[in-house]
């Protein structure tokens, strides 16, 4: 098992201010925060990014930048704005969305997939110049909405600075989850952690402890060499108390 440290995606608390989120994460004993580009660290607003970077550093939290750049719909100039925010934030990693958002991978032509891979390759190269890694969201209605498409995409990108996230589609069985990580785990940087059913109803993470423990134990060795984070994303009722319970559960999962 590759060692993961506990973290938080700030989209979990979209309505809370950054200083309160940092306080919650530090109080829960987490190691990192992925700041949402559509809520707390707007793309291209470097003064805010620097301010939140200082808040994070003071709280002892490593940072990642959760952008909503979606190549090839978004081009390199748009990516550079997000990258500038990531750098100002002090983030070592920037997340992007592969392909046009809200579009299934099966609907892409061969040439469209080629264009997406080329755009992401260029973004990975640009980020590498600044010591920032690029990770692709692993999500329904994207070019990483399934294992086969994700693997084909990462193989087409062919860039050492581009990685995959992993998260289960809501309701994904443990057997299917284990099959997915076996196939793409060598490319995985970080994971997003939650407990949802197929209807997207949220449950305490404790109810999925065995599921997540099995998945993380089975995660293959990765070409990723930096710190790795298992980041909580969304909690029941957006409740800070539910967050503290889930954070405690996550730390227990990662300790075993």
C-alpha atoms as a PDB file:
ATOM      1  CA  UNK A   1       0.000   0.000   0.000  1.00  0.00           C
ATOM      2  CA  UNK A   2       1.280   3.443  -0.889  1.00  0.00           C
ATOM      3  CA  UNK A   3       1.056   5.788   2.075  1.00  0.00           C
ATOM      4  CA  UNK A   4      -1.698   8.386   1.867  1.00  0.00           C
ATOM      5  CA  UNK A   5      -2.114  11.346   4.192  1.00  0.00           C
ATOM      6  CA  UNK A   6      -5.553  12.743   5.083  1.00  0.00           C
ATOM      7  CA  UNK A   7      -6.787  15.889   3.373  1.00  0.00           C
ATOM      8  CA  UNK A   8      -9.872  17.913   2.477  1.00  0.00           C
ATOM      9  CA  UNK A   9     -11.352  19.338  -0.728  1.00  0.00           C
ATOM     10  CA  UNK A  10     -12.692  22.781   0.138  1.00  0.00           C
ATOM     11  CA  UNK A  11     -15.643  22.350  -2.234  1.00  0.00           C
ATOM     12  CA  UNK A  12     -16.980  20.365   0.724  1.00  0.00           C
ATOM     13  CA  UNK A  13     -17.646  23.696   2.435  1.00  0.00           C
ATOM     14  CA  UNK A  14     -18.288  25.953  -0.523  1.00  0.00           C
ATOM     15  CA  UNK A  15     -20.083  28.599   1.586  1.00  0.00           C
ATOM     16  CA  UNK A  16     -17.480  28.864   4.351  1.00  0.00           C
ATOM     17  CA  UNK A  17     -14.620  31.393   4.259  1.00  0.00           C
ATOM     18  CA  UNK A  18     -11.097  30.137   3.691  1.00  0.00           C
ATOM     19  CA  UNK A  19      -9.844  30.909   7.188  1.00  0.00           C
ATOM     20  CA  UNK A  20     -12.653  28.846   8.741  1.00  0.00           C
ATOM     21  CA  UNK A  21     -11.947  25.909   6.430  1.00  0.00           C
ATOM     22  CA  UNK A  22      -8.260  25.990   7.343  1.00  0.00           C
ATOM     23  CA  UNK A  23      -9.226  26.026  11.022  1.00  0.00           C
ATOM     24  CA  UNK A  24     -11.512  23.024  10.564  1.00  0.00           C
ATOM     25  CA  UNK A  25      -8.876  21.062   8.646  1.00  0.00           C
ATOM     26  CA  UNK A  26      -6.174  21.808  11.210  1.00  0.00           C
ATOM     27  CA  UNK A  27      -8.466  20.997  14.125  1.00  0.00           C
ATOM     28  CA  UNK A  28      -9.321  17.678  12.492  1.00  0.00           C
ATOM     29  CA  UNK A  29      -5.620  16.859  12.177  1.00  0.00           C
ATOM     30  CA  UNK A  30      -5.523  16.794   8.400  1.00  0.00           C
ATOM     31  CA  UNK A  31      -2.352  17.262   6.389  1.00  0.00           C
ATOM     32  CA  UNK A  32      -3.557  19.046   3.259  1.00  0.00           C
ATOM     33  CA  UNK A  33      -6.286  21.068   1.611  1.00  0.00           C
ATOM     34  CA  UNK A  34      -7.281  21.192  -2.050  1.00  0.00           C
ATOM     35  CA  UNK A  35      -8.618  24.701  -2.606  1.00  0.00           C
ATOM     36  CA  UNK A  36     -11.545  24.985  -5.007  1.00  0.00           C
ATOM     37  CA  UNK A  37     -10.979  27.245  -7.983  1.00  0.00           C
ATOM     38  CA  UNK A  38     -14.687  28.003  -8.313  1.00  0.00           C
ATOM     39  CA  UNK A  39     -15.206  28.949  -4.678  1.00  0.00           C
ATOM     40  CA  UNK A  40     -12.184  30.016  -2.655  1.00  0.00           C
ATOM     41  CA  UNK A  41      -9.256  30.660  -5.015  1.00  0.00           C
ATOM     42  CA  UNK A  42     -10.564  32.128  -8.288  1.00  0.00           C
ATOM     43  CA  UNK A  43      -8.398  31.404 -11.293  1.00  0.00           C
ATOM     44  CA  UNK A  44      -6.068  34.299 -12.075  1.00  0.00           C
ATOM     45  CA  UNK A  45      -6.593  36.141  -8.756  1.00  0.00           C
ATOM     46  CA  UNK A  46      -3.057  35.882  -7.433  1.00  0.00           C
ATOM     47  CA  UNK A  47      -3.495  38.210  -4.394  1.00  0.00           C
ATOM     48  CA  UNK A  48      -6.267  35.975  -3.020  1.00  0.00           C
ATOM     49  CA  UNK A  49      -4.195  32.874  -3.775  1.00  0.00           C
ATOM     50  CA  UNK A  50      -1.212  34.289  -1.893  1.00  0.00           C
ATOM     51  CA  UNK A  51      -3.434  35.244   1.041  1.00  0.00           C
ATOM     52  CA  UNK A  52      -4.943  31.759   1.270  1.00  0.00           C
ATOM     53  CA  UNK A  53      -1.500  30.254   0.834  1.00  0.00           C
ATOM     54  CA  UNK A  54      -0.393  32.130   3.960  1.00  0.00           C
ATOM     55  CA  UNK A  55      -3.486  30.926   5.824  1.00  0.00           C
ATOM     56  CA  UNK A  56      -2.695  27.348   4.809  1.00  0.00           C
ATOM     57  CA  UNK A  57       0.952  27.609   5.784  1.00  0.00           C
ATOM     58  CA  UNK A  58       0.060  29.058   9.185  1.00  0.00           C
ATOM     59  CA  UNK A  59      -2.329  26.141   9.751  1.00  0.00           C
ATOM     60  CA  UNK A  60       0.366  23.628   8.762  1.00  0.00           C
ATOM     61  CA  UNK A  61      -1.494  22.459   5.672  1.00  0.00           C
ATOM     62  CA  UNK A  62       0.002  21.439   2.352  1.00  0.00           C
ATOM     63  CA  UNK A  63      -1.987  22.692  -0.646  1.00  0.00           C
ATOM     64  CA  UNK A  64      -3.297  21.505  -3.980  1.00  0.00           C
ATOM     65  CA  UNK A  65      -5.288  23.625  -6.414  1.00  0.00           C
ATOM     66  CA  UNK A  66      -8.609  22.247  -7.634  1.00  0.00           C
ATOM     67  CA  UNK A  67      -9.091  24.084 -10.931  1.00  0.00           C
ATOM     68  CA  UNK A  68     -11.950  23.669 -13.371  1.00  0.00           C
ATOM     69  CA  UNK A  69      -9.815  24.036 -16.477  1.00  0.00           C
ATOM     70  CA  UNK A  70     -11.207  21.571 -19.014  1.00  0.00           C
ATOM     71  CA  UNK A  71      -9.001  21.017 -22.085  1.00  0.00           C
ATOM     72  CA  UNK A  72      -9.381  21.190 -25.013  1.00  0.00           C
ATOM     73  CA  UNK A  73     -12.417  23.438 -24.437  1.00  0.00           C
ATOM     74  CA  UNK A  74     -10.078  25.555 -22.307  1.00  0.00           C
ATOM     75  CA  UNK A  75      -6.776  26.378 -23.950  1.00  0.00           C
ATOM     76  CA  UNK A  76      -3.254  26.932 -22.681  1.00  0.00           C
ATOM     77  CA  UNK A  77      -3.854  30.630 -21.918  1.00  0.00           C
ATOM     78  CA  UNK A  78      -6.728  29.735 -19.588  1.00  0.00           C
ATOM     79  CA  UNK A  79      -4.584  27.067 -17.975  1.00  0.00           C
ATOM     80  CA  UNK A  80      -1.808  29.595 -17.378  1.00  0.00           C
ATOM     81  CA  UNK A  81      -4.207  31.752 -15.337  1.00  0.00           C
ATOM     82  CA  UNK A  82      -5.041  28.750 -13.146  1.00  0.00           C
ATOM     83  CA  UNK A  83      -1.382  27.777 -12.931  1.00  0.00           C
ATOM     84  CA  UNK A  84      -0.489  31.292 -11.766  1.00  0.00           C
ATOM     85  CA  UNK A  85      -3.042  30.896  -8.980  1.00  0.00           C
ATOM     86  CA  UNK A  86      -1.614  27.506  -8.034  1.00  0.00           C
ATOM     87  CA  UNK A  87       1.898  28.945  -7.874  1.00  0.00           C
ATOM     88  CA  UNK A  88       0.755  31.938  -5.803  1.00  0.00           C
ATOM     89  CA  UNK A  89      -1.086  29.545  -3.497  1.00  0.00           C
ATOM     90  CA  UNK A  90       2.075  27.515  -3.020  1.00  0.00           C
ATOM     91  CA  UNK A  91       0.351  24.419  -4.385  1.00  0.00           C
ATOM     92  CA  UNK A  92       2.485  21.568  -5.634  1.00  0.00           C
ATOM     93  CA  UNK A  93      -0.316  20.107  -7.753  1.00  0.00           C
ATOM     94  CA  UNK A  94      -3.090  21.421  -9.977  1.00  0.00           C
ATOM     95  CA  UNK A  95      -6.165  19.411 -10.861  1.00  0.00           C
ATOM     96  CA  UNK A  96      -7.817  19.824 -14.261  1.00  0.00           C
ATOM     97  CA  UNK A  97     -10.818  18.203 -15.959  1.00  0.00           C
ATOM     98  CA  UNK A  98     -10.103  16.164 -19.095  1.00  0.00           C
ATOM     99  CA  UNK A  99     -12.447  16.974 -21.940  1.00  0.00           C
ATOM    100  CA  UNK A 100     -15.548  19.119 -22.079  1.00  0.00           C
ATOM    101  CA  UNK A 101     -17.365  18.943 -18.758  1.00  0.00           C
ATOM    102  CA  UNK A 102     -20.731  17.163 -18.685  1.00  0.00           C
ATOM    103  CA  UNK A 103     -19.873  15.102 -21.752  1.00  0.00           C
ATOM    104  CA  UNK A 104     -19.515  11.305 -21.743  1.00  0.00           C
ATOM    105  CA  UNK A 105     -16.252   9.852 -23.009  1.00  0.00           C
ATOM    106  CA  UNK A 106     -18.113   7.585 -25.444  1.00  0.00           C
ATOM    107  CA  UNK A 107     -19.280  10.656 -27.367  1.00  0.00           C
ATOM    108  CA  UNK A 108     -15.768  11.728 -28.436  1.00  0.00           C
ATOM    109  CA  UNK A 109     -14.354  11.053 -31.854  1.00  0.00           C
ATOM    110  CA  UNK A 110     -10.793   9.847 -32.326  1.00  0.00           C
ATOM    111  CA  UNK A 111      -9.694  13.313 -33.437  1.00  0.00           C
ATOM    112  CA  UNK A 112     -11.353  14.960 -30.424  1.00  0.00           C
ATOM    113  CA  UNK A 113      -9.568  12.603 -28.065  1.00  0.00           C
ATOM    114  CA  UNK A 114      -6.307  13.401 -29.848  1.00  0.00           C
ATOM    115  CA  UNK A 115      -6.918  17.138 -29.392  1.00  0.00           C
ATOM    116  CA  UNK A 116      -7.651  16.680 -25.686  1.00  0.00           C
ATOM    117  CA  UNK A 117      -4.507  14.614 -25.148  1.00  0.00           C
ATOM    118  CA  UNK A 118      -2.353  17.159 -26.989  1.00  0.00           C
ATOM    119  CA  UNK A 119      -3.780  20.057 -24.970  1.00  0.00           C
ATOM    120  CA  UNK A 120      -3.222  18.245 -21.679  1.00  0.00           C
ATOM    121  CA  UNK A 121       0.319  17.326 -22.728  1.00  0.00           C
ATOM    122  CA  UNK A 122       1.079  21.002 -23.333  1.00  0.00           C
ATOM    123  CA  UNK A 123      -0.386  21.908 -19.945  1.00  0.00           C
ATOM    124  CA  UNK A 124       1.686  19.244 -18.230  1.00  0.00           C
ATOM    125  CA  UNK A 125       4.821  20.617 -19.875  1.00  0.00           C
ATOM    126  CA  UNK A 126       3.965  24.201 -18.896  1.00  0.00           C
ATOM    127  CA  UNK A 127       3.316  23.221 -15.275  1.00  0.00           C
ATOM    128  CA  UNK A 128       6.548  21.222 -15.144  1.00  0.00           C
ATOM    129  CA  UNK A 129       8.505  24.403 -15.924  1.00  0.00           C
ATOM    130  CA  UNK A 130       7.232  25.755 -12.591  1.00  0.00           C
ATOM    131  CA  UNK A 131       7.607  22.591 -10.527  1.00  0.00           C
ATOM    132  CA  UNK A 132       3.854  21.915 -10.390  1.00  0.00           C
ATOM    133  CA  UNK A 133       2.295  18.549 -11.210  1.00  0.00           C
ATOM    134  CA  UNK A 134      -0.932  18.121 -13.190  1.00  0.00           C
ATOM    135  CA  UNK A 135      -3.575  15.602 -12.142  1.00  0.00           C
ATOM    136  CA  UNK A 136      -6.728  14.718 -14.061  1.00  0.00           C
ATOM    137  CA  UNK A 137     -10.060  14.547 -12.272  1.00  0.00           C
ATOM    138  CA  UNK A 138     -11.541  11.029 -12.446  1.00  0.00           C
ATOM    139  CA  UNK A 139     -15.245  11.705 -12.806  1.00  0.00           C
ATOM    140  CA  UNK A 140     -18.461  10.816 -14.622  1.00  0.00           C
ATOM    141  CA  UNK A 141     -19.055  12.774 -17.823  1.00  0.00           C
ATOM    142  CA  UNK A 142     -15.413  13.400 -18.595  1.00  0.00           C
ATOM    143  CA  UNK A 143     -12.694  11.607 -20.535  1.00  0.00           C
ATOM    144  CA  UNK A 144     -11.915   9.769 -17.315  1.00  0.00           C
ATOM    145  CA  UNK A 145     -15.446   8.504 -16.657  1.00  0.00           C
ATOM    146  CA  UNK A 146     -14.298   4.918 -16.988  1.00  0.00           C
ATOM    147  CA  UNK A 147     -11.115   2.930 -16.607  1.00  0.00           C
ATOM    148  CA  UNK A 148     -10.636   2.118 -20.275  1.00  0.00           C
ATOM    149  CA  UNK A 149     -11.058   5.725 -21.402  1.00  0.00           C
ATOM    150  CA  UNK A 150      -8.814   7.022 -18.607  1.00  0.00           C
ATOM    151  CA  UNK A 151      -6.068   4.553 -19.446  1.00  0.00           C
ATOM    152  CA  UNK A 152      -6.259   5.327 -23.148  1.00  0.00           C
ATOM    153  CA  UNK A 153      -6.077   9.032 -22.404  1.00  0.00           C
ATOM    154  CA  UNK A 154      -3.077   8.872 -20.079  1.00  0.00           C
ATOM    155  CA  UNK A 155      -1.293   6.638 -22.598  1.00  0.00           C
ATOM    156  CA  UNK A 156      -2.034   9.157 -25.372  1.00  0.00           C
ATOM    157  CA  UNK A 157      -0.837  12.109 -23.285  1.00  0.00           C
ATOM    158  CA  UNK A 158       2.521  10.428 -22.671  1.00  0.00           C
ATOM    159  CA  UNK A 159       3.886  13.022 -20.256  1.00  0.00           C
ATOM    160  CA  UNK A 160       5.707  12.279 -17.019  1.00  0.00           C
ATOM    161  CA  UNK A 161       4.160  15.324 -15.313  1.00  0.00           C
ATOM    162  CA  UNK A 162       0.520  14.301 -15.864  1.00  0.00           C
ATOM    163  CA  UNK A 163      -1.228  11.935 -13.443  1.00  0.00           C
ATOM    164  CA  UNK A 164      -4.698  10.668 -12.587  1.00  0.00           C
ATOM    165  CA  UNK A 165      -6.858  11.098  -9.541  1.00  0.00           C
ATOM    166  CA  UNK A 166      -9.173   8.271  -8.559  1.00  0.00           C
ATOM    167  CA  UNK A 167     -12.576   8.228  -6.935  1.00  0.00           C
ATOM    168  CA  UNK A 168     -15.431   5.742  -7.155  1.00  0.00           C
ATOM    169  CA  UNK A 169     -18.458   6.560  -9.219  1.00  0.00           C
ATOM    170  CA  UNK A 170     -21.417   6.751  -6.817  1.00  0.00           C
ATOM    171  CA  UNK A 171     -22.547   3.225  -6.033  1.00  0.00           C
ATOM    172  CA  UNK A 172     -19.467   1.520  -7.556  1.00  0.00           C
ATOM    173  CA  UNK A 173     -19.088  -1.955  -6.071  1.00  0.00           C
ATOM    174  CA  UNK A 174     -15.938  -2.886  -4.187  1.00  0.00           C
ATOM    175  CA  UNK A 175     -15.070  -5.504  -6.781  1.00  0.00           C
ATOM    176  CA  UNK A 176     -15.267  -2.980  -9.593  1.00  0.00           C
ATOM    177  CA  UNK A 177     -13.323  -0.423  -7.555  1.00  0.00           C
ATOM    178  CA  UNK A 178     -10.520  -2.923  -6.986  1.00  0.00           C
ATOM    179  CA  UNK A 179     -10.471  -3.742 -10.697  1.00  0.00           C
ATOM    180  CA  UNK A 180     -10.186  -0.044 -11.553  1.00  0.00           C
ATOM    181  CA  UNK A 181      -7.288   0.726  -9.243  1.00  0.00           C
ATOM    182  CA  UNK A 182      -5.484  -2.409 -10.403  1.00  0.00           C
ATOM    183  CA  UNK A 183      -5.588  -1.076 -13.972  1.00  0.00           C
ATOM    184  CA  UNK A 184      -4.786   2.614 -13.456  1.00  0.00           C
ATOM    185  CA  UNK A 185      -3.242   2.785  -9.979  1.00  0.00           C
ATOM    186  CA  UNK A 186       0.279   3.170 -11.367  1.00  0.00           C
ATOM    187  CA  UNK A 187      -0.745   6.636 -12.608  1.00  0.00           C
ATOM    188  CA  UNK A 188      -2.663   7.790  -9.514  1.00  0.00           C
ATOM    189  CA  UNK A 189      -1.434  10.766  -7.505  1.00  0.00           C
ATOM    190  CA  UNK A 190      -4.268  11.491  -5.052  1.00  0.00           C
ATOM    191  CA  UNK A 191      -7.769  10.189  -4.307  1.00  0.00           C
ATOM    192  CA  UNK A 192     -11.070  11.837  -3.394  1.00  0.00           C
ATOM    193  CA  UNK A 193     -12.840  10.051  -0.551  1.00  0.00           C
ATOM    194  CA  UNK A 194     -16.589   9.973   0.185  1.00  0.00           C
ATOM    195  CA  UNK A 195     -19.444   7.600   1.013  1.00  0.00           C
ATOM    196  CA  UNK A 196     -22.294   7.914  -1.492  1.00  0.00           C
ATOM    197  CA  UNK A 197     -24.806   5.462  -2.886  1.00  0.00           C
ATOM    198  CA  UNK A 198     -25.896   5.258  -6.522  1.00  0.00           C
ATOM    199  CA  UNK A 199     -28.502   7.946  -5.851  1.00  0.00           C
ATOM    200  CA  UNK A 200     -25.785  10.296  -4.586  1.00  0.00           C
ATOM    201  CA  UNK A 201     -27.111  10.172  -1.048  1.00  0.00           C
ATOM    202  CA  UNK A 202     -24.342  10.893   1.445  1.00  0.00           C
ATOM    203  CA  UNK A 203     -23.514   8.697   4.421  1.00  0.00           C
ATOM    204  CA  UNK A 204     -20.981   8.781   7.250  1.00  0.00           C
ATOM    205  CA  UNK A 205     -17.594   7.598   6.010  1.00  0.00           C
ATOM    206  CA  UNK A 206     -17.625   5.031   8.811  1.00  0.00           C
ATOM    207  CA  UNK A 207     -20.222   3.092   6.822  1.00  0.00           C
ATOM    208  CA  UNK A 208     -17.649   2.665   4.022  1.00  0.00           C
ATOM    209  CA  UNK A 209     -14.547   2.073   6.166  1.00  0.00           C
ATOM    210  CA  UNK A 210     -13.992  -1.489   4.963  1.00  0.00           C
ATOM    211  CA  UNK A 211     -14.517  -0.405   1.353  1.00  0.00           C
ATOM    212  CA  UNK A 212     -11.925   2.356   1.492  1.00  0.00           C
ATOM    213  CA  UNK A 213      -9.458   0.324   3.505  1.00  0.00           C
ATOM    214  CA  UNK A 214      -9.584  -2.451   0.904  1.00  0.00           C
ATOM    215  CA  UNK A 215      -9.178  -0.011  -1.997  1.00  0.00           C
ATOM    216  CA  UNK A 216      -6.226   1.834  -0.482  1.00  0.00           C
ATOM    217  CA  UNK A 217      -4.482  -1.376   0.551  1.00  0.00           C
ATOM    218  CA  UNK A 218      -4.904  -2.671  -3.013  1.00  0.00           C
ATOM    219  CA  UNK A 219      -3.635   0.538  -4.649  1.00  0.00           C
ATOM    220  CA  UNK A 220      -0.585  -0.462  -6.729  1.00  0.00           C
ATOM    221  CA  UNK A 221       2.771   1.270  -6.558  1.00  0.00           C
ATOM    222  CA  UNK A 222       2.563   4.498  -8.535  1.00  0.00           C
ATOM    223  CA  UNK A 223       5.025   6.449 -10.658  1.00  0.00           C
ATOM    224  CA  UNK A 224       3.977   9.390  -8.465  1.00  0.00           C
ATOM    225  CA  UNK A 225       6.814  10.153  -6.035  1.00  0.00           C
ATOM    226  CA  UNK A 226       5.480  13.047  -3.934  1.00  0.00           C
ATOM    227  CA  UNK A 227       3.268  13.168  -0.874  1.00  0.00           C
ATOM    228  CA  UNK A 228      -0.074  11.494  -1.532  1.00  0.00           C
ATOM    229  CA  UNK A 229      -3.365  12.660  -0.114  1.00  0.00           C
ATOM    230  CA  UNK A 230      -6.699  10.947   0.413  1.00  0.00           C
ATOM    231  CA  UNK A 231      -8.972  13.983   0.435  1.00  0.00           C
ATOM    232  CA  UNK A 232     -12.451  14.076   1.923  1.00  0.00           C
ATOM    233  CA  UNK A 233     -14.951  15.459  -0.570  1.00  0.00           C
ATOM    234  CA  UNK A 234     -18.437  16.322   0.717  1.00  0.00           C
ATOM    235  CA  UNK A 235     -19.989  15.191   3.983  1.00  0.00           C
ATOM    236  CA  UNK A 236     -23.537  14.485   5.081  1.00  0.00           C
ATOM    237  CA  UNK A 237     -25.629  17.667   5.182  1.00  0.00           C
ATOM    238  CA  UNK A 238     -22.499  19.815   4.694  1.00  0.00           C
ATOM    239  CA  UNK A 239     -22.212  19.631   8.481  1.00  0.00           C
ATOM    240  CA  UNK A 240     -18.867  20.447  10.177  1.00  0.00           C
ATOM    241  CA  UNK A 241     -19.625  17.878  12.887  1.00  0.00           C
ATOM    242  CA  UNK A 242     -20.108  15.212  10.220  1.00  0.00           C
ATOM    243  CA  UNK A 243     -16.792  16.362   8.763  1.00  0.00           C
ATOM    244  CA  UNK A 244     -14.998  15.847  12.082  1.00  0.00           C
ATOM    245  CA  UNK A 245     -16.449  12.344  12.334  1.00  0.00           C
ATOM    246  CA  UNK A 246     -15.435  11.523   8.758  1.00  0.00           C
ATOM    247  CA  UNK A 247     -11.948  12.983   9.289  1.00  0.00           C
ATOM    248  CA  UNK A 248     -11.470  10.769  12.355  1.00  0.00           C
ATOM    249  CA  UNK A 249     -12.637   7.767  10.337  1.00  0.00           C
ATOM    250  CA  UNK A 250     -10.317   8.603   7.457  1.00  0.00           C
ATOM    251  CA  UNK A 251      -7.326   8.818   9.765  1.00  0.00           C
ATOM    252  CA  UNK A 252      -8.225   5.435  11.252  1.00  0.00           C
ATOM    253  CA  UNK A 253      -8.459   3.936   7.767  1.00  0.00           C
ATOM    254  CA  UNK A 254      -5.055   5.333   6.800  1.00  0.00           C
ATOM    255  CA  UNK A 255      -3.377   4.161   9.995  1.00  0.00           C
ATOM    256  CA  UNK A 256      -4.005   0.495   9.202  1.00  0.00           C
END
